[in-house]
């Protein structure tokens, strides 16, 4: 059962001491977006587990959202990969959006519950590839988080976590809104053969980042599946951007580089910018770029 936003006064977060992982770091970050409370890195007491105003995350051996307890370690070995972040996102009714819009989430669930070897096998990559995905950002934030036993507002790590949670929650909320916007406004152009494109017309004012969500829309919406190109308003001018979807090499935008109304075509061929605004001309440019 999800806790309705603002319906509870959360006074603290308790998570495990010792080494920190992405799931407990991100789970705490999401909670901080809604409740700016201190984080205690220690084993929970019986009182913590019984108090719904204390969120106990990734420790405690219990998942009971009504009591504020969000551990997954007690689940059976063959349980669908579920980590502390999964449980927190479900609590705030964000999990479905997370699975839809965050390609990294399922991998994080696998890594935390199955380990690097099984996750690499599931992904179809060599075990060594997992370490190659780390960066100093991951290492430093998790190590610094692990060094604390208590974090409060004003602490640089606490503030960073709150910002991470804010950005993640805002992204998930806006992503759903963006998909709905595309559903209502985007057009699918079928230009012959396999040349199919998703077009977003210009609005005044523009709705955020013009190309946002287009790739996910093509991936998930039946009417847009099969699109190989995306056309969207150019933020820097009155015209449009034209780009490949999923880097489909049958589109080569250097083919239109010499057109008078094309002011930029990347030499790798994957994107072009045009001052053209008429739909017929945009379709013509796509056709000229098509090698299929």
Protein backbone atom coordinates (compact mmCIF):
# COMPACT_ATOMS: atom_id res chain seq x y z
CA UNK A 1 0.00 0.00 0.00
CA UNK A 2 1.53 3.31 -1.02
CA UNK A 3 1.89 6.08 1.53
CA UNK A 4 0.00 9.10 0.22
CA UNK A 5 2.34 12.04 -0.25
CA UNK A 6 2.08 14.42 2.66
CA UNK A 7 -0.16 12.04 4.64
CA UNK A 8 2.55 11.11 7.13
CA UNK A 9 5.09 13.06 9.14
CA UNK A 10 8.34 11.16 8.67
CA UNK A 11 10.91 12.03 11.35
CA UNK A 12 13.91 9.91 10.35
CA UNK A 13 15.41 7.37 7.97
CA UNK A 14 17.37 4.39 9.27
CA UNK A 15 19.52 2.34 6.91
CA UNK A 16 22.29 -0.19 7.45
CA UNK A 17 25.84 0.73 8.51
CA UNK A 18 28.96 -0.38 6.67
CA UNK A 19 29.32 -0.48 2.91
CA UNK A 20 26.75 1.50 0.92
CA UNK A 21 25.16 0.45 -2.34
CA UNK A 22 23.22 2.20 -5.07
CA UNK A 23 19.87 0.82 -3.95
CA UNK A 24 20.02 2.14 -0.38
CA UNK A 25 21.62 5.42 -1.50
CA UNK A 26 18.92 6.03 -4.13
CA UNK A 27 16.08 4.79 -1.93
CA UNK A 28 17.06 7.25 0.80
CA UNK A 29 17.45 9.99 -1.82
CA UNK A 30 13.90 9.51 -3.06
CA UNK A 31 12.54 9.71 0.49
CA UNK A 32 14.51 12.92 1.11
CA UNK A 33 12.69 14.56 -1.77
CA UNK A 34 9.40 14.14 0.09
CA UNK A 35 10.65 14.30 3.69
CA UNK A 36 13.74 16.36 4.61
CA UNK A 37 14.75 14.28 7.62
CA UNK A 38 18.03 13.01 9.09
CA UNK A 39 19.49 9.67 8.00
CA UNK A 40 20.93 7.28 10.60
CA UNK A 41 23.23 4.51 9.37
CA UNK A 42 22.86 1.83 12.04
CA UNK A 43 20.95 -1.33 12.81
CA UNK A 44 17.27 -0.58 13.51
CA UNK A 45 15.79 -1.07 16.94
CA UNK A 46 12.47 -2.77 17.65
CA UNK A 47 11.07 0.70 18.24
CA UNK A 48 12.25 1.86 14.81
CA UNK A 49 10.53 -1.08 13.13
CA UNK A 50 7.30 -0.45 15.00
CA UNK A 51 7.24 3.30 14.34
CA UNK A 52 5.71 4.26 10.96
CA UNK A 53 7.30 7.72 11.21
CA UNK A 54 10.74 6.09 10.90
CA UNK A 55 11.51 4.74 7.43
CA UNK A 56 13.74 1.68 7.83
CA UNK A 57 15.42 1.05 4.47
CA UNK A 58 17.39 -1.96 3.22
CA UNK A 59 17.70 -3.45 6.70
CA UNK A 60 15.43 -4.93 9.36
CA UNK A 61 14.22 -8.09 7.61
CA UNK A 62 10.72 -6.78 6.94
CA UNK A 63 8.73 -5.15 4.16
CA UNK A 64 5.68 -3.43 5.57
CA UNK A 65 5.03 -0.04 3.98
CA UNK A 66 2.34 0.88 6.51
CA UNK A 67 4.97 0.62 9.24
CA UNK A 68 7.63 2.32 7.11
CA UNK A 69 9.79 -0.78 6.72
CA UNK A 70 11.44 -1.41 3.34
CA UNK A 71 13.80 -4.36 3.40
CA UNK A 72 14.07 -6.99 0.67
CA UNK A 73 16.71 -9.37 2.06
CA UNK A 74 14.10 -11.70 3.55
CA UNK A 75 12.52 -12.44 0.16
CA UNK A 76 13.04 -15.97 -1.24
CA UNK A 77 16.09 -16.58 -3.43
CA UNK A 78 13.92 -17.05 -6.54
CA UNK A 79 11.87 -13.90 -5.86
CA UNK A 80 11.73 -11.49 -8.79
CA UNK A 81 14.74 -9.13 -8.46
CA UNK A 82 13.62 -6.43 -6.03
CA UNK A 83 15.82 -4.02 -4.10
CA UNK A 84 15.21 -1.30 -1.53
CA UNK A 85 14.80 1.29 -4.28
CA UNK A 86 12.08 -0.86 -5.88
CA UNK A 87 10.13 -0.86 -2.62
CA UNK A 88 10.50 2.89 -2.06
CA UNK A 89 9.46 3.72 -5.62
CA UNK A 90 6.39 1.50 -5.18
CA UNK A 91 5.59 3.28 -1.94
CA UNK A 92 5.40 6.61 -3.75
CA UNK A 93 3.60 5.18 -6.80
CA UNK A 94 6.64 5.75 -9.01
CA UNK A 95 7.76 2.20 -9.73
CA UNK A 96 5.88 1.65 -12.98
CA UNK A 97 7.22 4.93 -14.33
CA UNK A 98 10.69 3.92 -13.18
CA UNK A 99 10.57 0.62 -15.03
CA UNK A 100 9.18 2.34 -18.11
CA UNK A 101 11.56 5.29 -18.30
CA UNK A 102 14.73 4.26 -16.40
CA UNK A 103 16.52 1.56 -18.36
CA UNK A 104 19.05 1.24 -15.54
CA UNK A 105 16.49 0.31 -12.86
CA UNK A 106 16.06 -3.37 -13.69
CA UNK A 107 19.83 -3.77 -13.93
CA UNK A 108 20.19 -2.17 -10.48
CA UNK A 109 17.62 -4.63 -9.11
CA UNK A 110 19.50 -7.56 -10.61
CA UNK A 111 22.90 -6.37 -9.43
CA UNK A 112 21.76 -5.84 -5.85
CA UNK A 113 19.91 -9.15 -5.54
CA UNK A 114 21.79 -11.50 -7.87
CA UNK A 115 25.34 -10.09 -7.88
CA UNK A 116 27.71 -9.11 -10.65
CA UNK A 117 28.24 -12.55 -12.23
CA UNK A 118 24.55 -13.40 -12.67
CA UNK A 119 23.73 -9.84 -13.73
CA UNK A 120 26.41 -9.93 -16.41
CA UNK A 121 25.06 -13.26 -17.66
CA UNK A 122 21.51 -11.85 -17.71
CA UNK A 123 22.73 -8.82 -19.67
CA UNK A 124 24.67 -11.05 -22.05
CA UNK A 125 28.02 -9.37 -21.34
CA UNK A 126 31.34 -10.45 -19.90
CA UNK A 127 31.70 -10.19 -16.10
CA UNK A 128 34.50 -7.66 -16.58
CA UNK A 129 32.11 -5.28 -18.32
CA UNK A 130 30.33 -4.58 -15.03
CA UNK A 131 33.37 -2.89 -13.47
CA UNK A 132 33.86 -0.84 -16.62
CA UNK A 133 30.51 0.86 -15.98
CA UNK A 134 31.67 2.40 -12.69
CA UNK A 135 32.86 5.98 -12.46
CA UNK A 136 34.43 8.18 -9.76
CA UNK A 137 30.97 9.64 -9.22
CA UNK A 138 29.61 6.25 -8.11
CA UNK A 139 32.65 5.44 -6.02
CA UNK A 140 32.97 8.78 -4.22
CA UNK A 141 29.29 9.30 -3.40
CA UNK A 142 28.82 5.77 -2.06
CA UNK A 143 32.10 5.79 -0.11
CA UNK A 144 31.38 9.18 1.47
CA UNK A 145 27.82 8.10 2.31
CA UNK A 146 29.21 4.95 3.95
CA UNK A 147 31.62 6.98 6.12
CA UNK A 148 28.79 8.69 7.99
CA UNK A 149 26.73 7.35 10.85
CA UNK A 150 24.36 10.33 10.71
CA UNK A 151 23.51 12.83 7.97
CA UNK A 152 21.38 15.91 8.45
CA UNK A 153 20.26 18.87 6.31
CA UNK A 154 23.26 21.03 5.53
CA UNK A 155 25.66 18.09 5.23
CA UNK A 156 27.03 18.08 1.67
CA UNK A 157 26.23 14.37 1.12
CA UNK A 158 22.70 14.79 2.52
CA UNK A 159 22.13 17.78 0.24
CA UNK A 160 23.46 15.89 -2.78
CA UNK A 161 21.17 12.97 -2.00
CA UNK A 162 18.19 15.29 -1.74
CA UNK A 163 19.07 16.74 -5.17
CA UNK A 164 19.40 13.24 -6.66
CA UNK A 165 15.99 12.32 -5.25
CA UNK A 166 14.47 15.57 -6.50
CA UNK A 167 15.79 15.06 -10.02
CA UNK A 168 14.73 11.42 -10.15
CA UNK A 169 11.20 12.08 -8.88
CA UNK A 170 10.77 15.10 -11.16
CA UNK A 171 12.04 13.10 -14.12
CA UNK A 172 9.61 10.26 -13.48
CA UNK A 173 6.70 12.63 -12.97
CA UNK A 174 7.49 14.71 -16.04
CA UNK A 175 8.20 11.64 -18.18
CA UNK A 176 4.63 10.42 -17.77
CA UNK A 177 3.38 13.90 -18.61
CA UNK A 178 5.67 14.05 -21.65
CA UNK A 179 4.43 10.71 -23.00
CA UNK A 180 0.87 11.94 -22.62
CA UNK A 181 1.83 15.15 -24.44
CA UNK A 182 3.35 13.13 -27.29
CA UNK A 183 0.29 10.92 -27.42
CA UNK A 184 -1.86 14.02 -27.93
CA UNK A 185 0.42 16.06 -30.21
CA UNK A 186 2.97 13.91 -32.05
CA UNK A 187 2.37 12.75 -35.61
CA UNK A 188 3.62 9.58 -37.27
CA UNK A 189 4.76 10.10 -40.84
CA UNK A 190 4.86 7.12 -43.18
CA UNK A 191 6.92 8.21 -46.16
CA UNK A 192 7.09 5.01 -48.15
CA UNK A 193 8.76 1.66 -47.59
CA UNK A 194 10.35 1.53 -44.16
CA UNK A 195 10.85 5.29 -43.88
CA UNK A 196 8.65 6.17 -40.92
CA UNK A 197 9.20 9.15 -38.63
CA UNK A 198 7.85 10.67 -35.43
CA UNK A 199 7.19 14.40 -35.76
CA UNK A 200 6.54 16.84 -32.92
CA UNK A 201 5.15 20.22 -34.06
CA UNK A 202 6.27 23.49 -32.52
CA UNK A 203 4.09 24.96 -29.79
CA UNK A 204 4.21 28.38 -28.20
CA UNK A 205 5.51 28.20 -25.59
CA UNK A 206 7.59 25.08 -26.19
CA UNK A 207 7.00 22.25 -23.76
CA UNK A 208 10.38 21.72 -22.08
CA UNK A 209 13.05 19.87 -24.04
CA UNK A 210 11.45 19.36 -27.49
CA UNK A 211 12.94 15.92 -28.13
CA UNK A 212 12.36 14.57 -24.61
CA UNK A 213 10.59 11.23 -24.44
CA UNK A 214 10.46 10.66 -28.19
CA UNK A 215 12.70 7.59 -28.13
CA UNK A 216 10.76 6.00 -25.30
CA UNK A 217 7.50 6.84 -27.07
CA UNK A 218 8.67 5.02 -30.20
CA UNK A 219 9.74 2.09 -28.08
CA UNK A 220 6.51 1.74 -26.12
CA UNK A 221 3.65 3.10 -28.22
CA UNK A 222 2.25 0.80 -30.88
CA UNK A 223 1.47 3.50 -33.41
CA UNK A 224 5.04 4.83 -33.33
CA UNK A 225 6.89 1.53 -33.43
CA UNK A 226 8.93 1.17 -36.59
CA UNK A 227 9.87 4.86 -36.69
CA UNK A 228 13.47 5.36 -37.77
CA UNK A 229 13.62 9.15 -37.43
CA UNK A 230 12.58 11.89 -35.03
CA UNK A 231 11.77 15.48 -36.05
CA UNK A 232 11.33 18.09 -33.32
CA UNK A 233 11.52 21.89 -32.82
CA UNK A 234 15.03 23.28 -32.62
CA UNK A 235 15.56 25.04 -29.28
CA UNK A 236 18.10 27.39 -30.88
CA UNK A 237 16.10 28.53 -33.86
CA UNK A 238 12.77 28.60 -35.64
CA UNK A 239 13.37 25.38 -37.55
CA UNK A 240 13.65 21.72 -36.64
CA UNK A 241 16.10 19.03 -35.67
CA UNK A 242 16.14 15.74 -37.57
CA UNK A 243 17.82 12.71 -36.05
CA UNK A 244 18.06 8.96 -36.31
CA UNK A 245 16.14 6.80 -33.87
CA UNK A 246 18.28 4.05 -32.40
CA UNK A 247 21.10 5.17 -34.70
CA UNK A 248 19.48 3.63 -37.77
CA UNK A 249 22.26 3.82 -40.38
CA UNK A 250 19.80 3.90 -43.25
CA UNK A 251 19.49 7.62 -42.52
CA UNK A 252 22.53 9.67 -43.51
CA UNK A 253 22.05 13.35 -42.80
CA UNK A 254 25.29 14.38 -44.47
CA UNK A 255 23.28 13.75 -47.65
CA UNK A 256 21.42 17.01 -46.97
CA UNK A 257 24.39 19.01 -45.67
CA UNK A 258 24.58 21.13 -48.84
CA UNK A 259 20.90 22.05 -48.85
CA UNK A 260 20.43 25.80 -48.47
CA UNK A 261 18.03 25.45 -45.58
CA UNK A 262 20.22 22.99 -43.62
CA UNK A 263 22.60 24.94 -41.39
CA UNK A 264 24.11 21.95 -39.58
CA UNK A 265 24.67 18.28 -40.37
CA UNK A 266 26.92 16.29 -38.09
CA UNK A 267 29.76 14.64 -39.97
CA UNK A 268 28.80 11.33 -38.33
CA UNK A 269 25.49 11.59 -40.17
CA UNK A 270 23.12 11.04 -37.28
CA UNK A 271 21.58 14.53 -36.93
CA UNK A 272 20.84 17.69 -38.89
CA UNK A 273 19.33 21.09 -38.13
CA UNK A 274 17.22 22.99 -40.63
CA UNK A 275 15.53 26.37 -40.81
CA UNK A 276 12.68 24.72 -42.72
CA UNK A 277 9.32 24.83 -40.98
CA UNK A 278 6.94 23.45 -43.63
CA UNK A 279 6.05 19.81 -43.11
CA UNK A 280 6.39 19.02 -46.81
CA UNK A 281 9.98 20.30 -46.80
CA UNK A 282 10.85 18.37 -43.66
CA UNK A 283 9.53 15.21 -45.26
CA UNK A 284 11.56 15.97 -48.38
CA UNK A 285 14.75 16.32 -46.33
CA UNK A 286 14.08 12.98 -44.67
CA UNK A 287 13.59 11.36 -48.04
CA UNK A 288 16.87 12.83 -49.30
CA UNK A 289 18.68 11.49 -46.23
CA UNK A 290 17.19 8.01 -46.58
CA UNK A 291 19.45 5.28 -47.93
CA UNK A 292 17.15 2.36 -47.23
